[in-house]
Amino acid sequence: MANCRIVNEAVASTVTQINNIAKSYADAGTTFESALKSAIADMEGDAKDALVDFFDTKVKDFITSMESGLPAMVKGMADLLEANRANFEEVDAQIAASIRGGGEG
């Protein structure tokens, strides 16, 4: 059986760092969107319309969304790590309470 150990503070800190990375990805995506739309603002024609439509329907959510895009995927990893950390903390507290209460009654 494999050993299992978690260092609560280090994991909590890592969760914060990963969440910050997710937000950075979303912010970078929004910056990219602004730069792209600024660069093509003066364009006219069907190609511009197609490019804007492609970006808005196929790319935008992937690079900017904290609900469904790459930033959300990174945040999901932080959420998973946090759930694991919280579970370890809860189980540890339950075991300690059981040990403390084990000699009574």
Protein backbone atom coordinates (compact mmCIF):
# COMPACT_ATOMS: atom_id res chain seq x y z
CA MET A 1 0.00 0.00 0.00
CA ALA A 2 1.33 3.44 -0.88
CA ASN A 3 2.10 6.02 1.77
CA CYS A 4 -0.14 9.07 1.80
CA ARG A 5 0.82 12.44 3.24
CA ILE A 6 -0.35 15.97 2.62
CA VAL A 7 1.23 19.21 3.81
CA ASN A 8 -1.80 21.40 4.37
CA GLU A 9 -0.21 24.85 4.10
CA ALA A 10 1.82 23.98 1.01
CA VAL A 11 -1.21 22.56 -0.77
CA ALA A 12 -3.40 25.53 0.20
CA SER A 13 -0.70 27.88 -1.10
CA THR A 14 -0.45 25.92 -4.34
CA VAL A 15 -4.22 26.08 -4.80
CA THR A 16 -4.02 29.87 -4.51
CA GLN A 17 -1.16 29.97 -7.03
CA ILE A 18 -3.05 27.79 -9.52
CA ASN A 19 -6.17 29.95 -9.16
CA ASN A 20 -4.01 33.02 -9.84
CA ILE A 21 -2.64 31.32 -12.96
CA ALA A 22 -6.19 30.57 -14.15
CA LYS A 23 -7.10 34.24 -13.68
CA SER A 24 -3.93 35.27 -15.52
CA TYR A 25 -4.91 33.05 -18.47
CA ALA A 26 -8.37 34.63 -18.54
CA ASP A 27 -6.90 38.13 -18.35
CA ALA A 28 -4.39 37.33 -21.11
CA GLY A 29 -7.23 36.00 -23.26
CA THR A 30 -9.20 39.19 -22.74
CA THR A 31 -6.12 41.26 -23.59
CA PHE A 32 -5.65 39.17 -26.74
CA GLU A 33 -9.29 39.71 -27.69
CA SER A 34 -8.96 43.48 -27.26
CA ALA A 35 -5.74 43.58 -29.29
CA LEU A 36 -7.20 41.47 -32.09
CA LYS A 37 -10.39 43.50 -32.34
CA SER A 38 -8.41 46.74 -32.20
CA ALA A 39 -6.11 45.53 -34.97
CA ILE A 40 -9.01 44.71 -37.28
CA ALA A 41 -11.30 47.58 -36.28
CA ASP A 42 -10.74 49.51 -39.50
CA MET A 43 -11.08 46.48 -41.75
CA GLU A 44 -14.21 46.11 -43.82
CA GLY A 45 -15.67 43.21 -45.69
CA ASP A 46 -16.77 39.64 -45.40
CA ALA A 47 -13.35 38.37 -44.29
CA LYS A 48 -13.44 40.67 -41.25
CA ASP A 49 -16.97 39.55 -40.43
CA ALA A 50 -15.90 35.91 -40.77
CA LEU A 51 -12.85 36.47 -38.56
CA VAL A 52 -14.90 38.19 -35.85
CA ASP A 53 -17.53 35.46 -36.01
CA PHE A 54 -14.88 32.73 -35.85
CA PHE A 55 -13.20 34.36 -32.87
CA ASP A 56 -16.45 35.03 -31.02
CA THR A 57 -17.89 31.53 -31.57
CA LYS A 58 -14.82 29.26 -31.61
CA VAL A 59 -11.97 30.96 -29.74
CA LYS A 60 -13.18 33.57 -27.25
CA ASP A 61 -14.65 31.28 -24.60
CA PHE A 62 -11.68 28.92 -24.81
CA ILE A 63 -9.16 31.65 -24.01
CA THR A 64 -11.22 33.90 -21.71
CA SER A 65 -13.88 31.89 -19.87
CA MET A 66 -13.48 31.00 -16.21
CA GLU A 67 -16.57 28.80 -16.65
CA SER A 68 -15.80 26.75 -19.76
CA GLY A 69 -12.42 27.57 -21.31
CA LEU A 70 -8.76 26.91 -20.61
CA PRO A 71 -8.82 29.19 -17.55
CA ALA A 72 -11.71 27.07 -16.21
CA MET A 73 -9.72 23.88 -16.79
CA VAL A 74 -6.78 25.25 -14.84
CA LYS A 75 -9.14 26.42 -12.08
CA GLY A 76 -10.71 22.97 -12.08
CA MET A 77 -7.32 21.49 -11.21
CA ALA A 78 -7.06 23.91 -8.29
CA ASP A 79 -10.58 22.96 -7.18
CA LEU A 80 -9.69 19.27 -7.32
CA LEU A 81 -6.51 19.82 -5.32
CA GLU A 82 -8.41 21.91 -2.76
CA ALA A 83 -11.10 19.24 -2.39
CA ASN A 84 -8.38 16.66 -1.81
CA ARG A 85 -6.68 18.89 0.77
CA ALA A 86 -9.97 19.59 2.56
CA ASN A 87 -10.81 15.89 2.60
CA PHE A 88 -7.46 15.04 4.17
CA GLU A 89 -7.99 17.77 6.78
CA GLU A 90 -11.48 16.49 7.61
CA VAL A 91 -10.40 12.85 7.86
CA ASP A 92 -7.45 13.82 10.05
CA ALA A 93 -9.80 15.71 12.40
CA GLN A 94 -12.20 12.75 12.49
CA ILE A 95 -9.40 10.33 13.34
CA ALA A 96 -8.09 12.65 16.06
CA ALA A 97 -11.59 13.02 17.53
CA SER A 98 -12.06 9.27 17.46
CA ILE A 99 -8.74 8.72 19.25
CA ARG A 100 -9.56 11.36 21.87
CA GLY A 101 -13.04 9.94 22.42
CA GLY A 102 -11.95 6.30 22.13
CA GLY A 103 -11.09 5.88 25.79
CA GLU A 104 -14.44 7.19 27.03
CA GLY A 105 -17.65 5.27 27.60
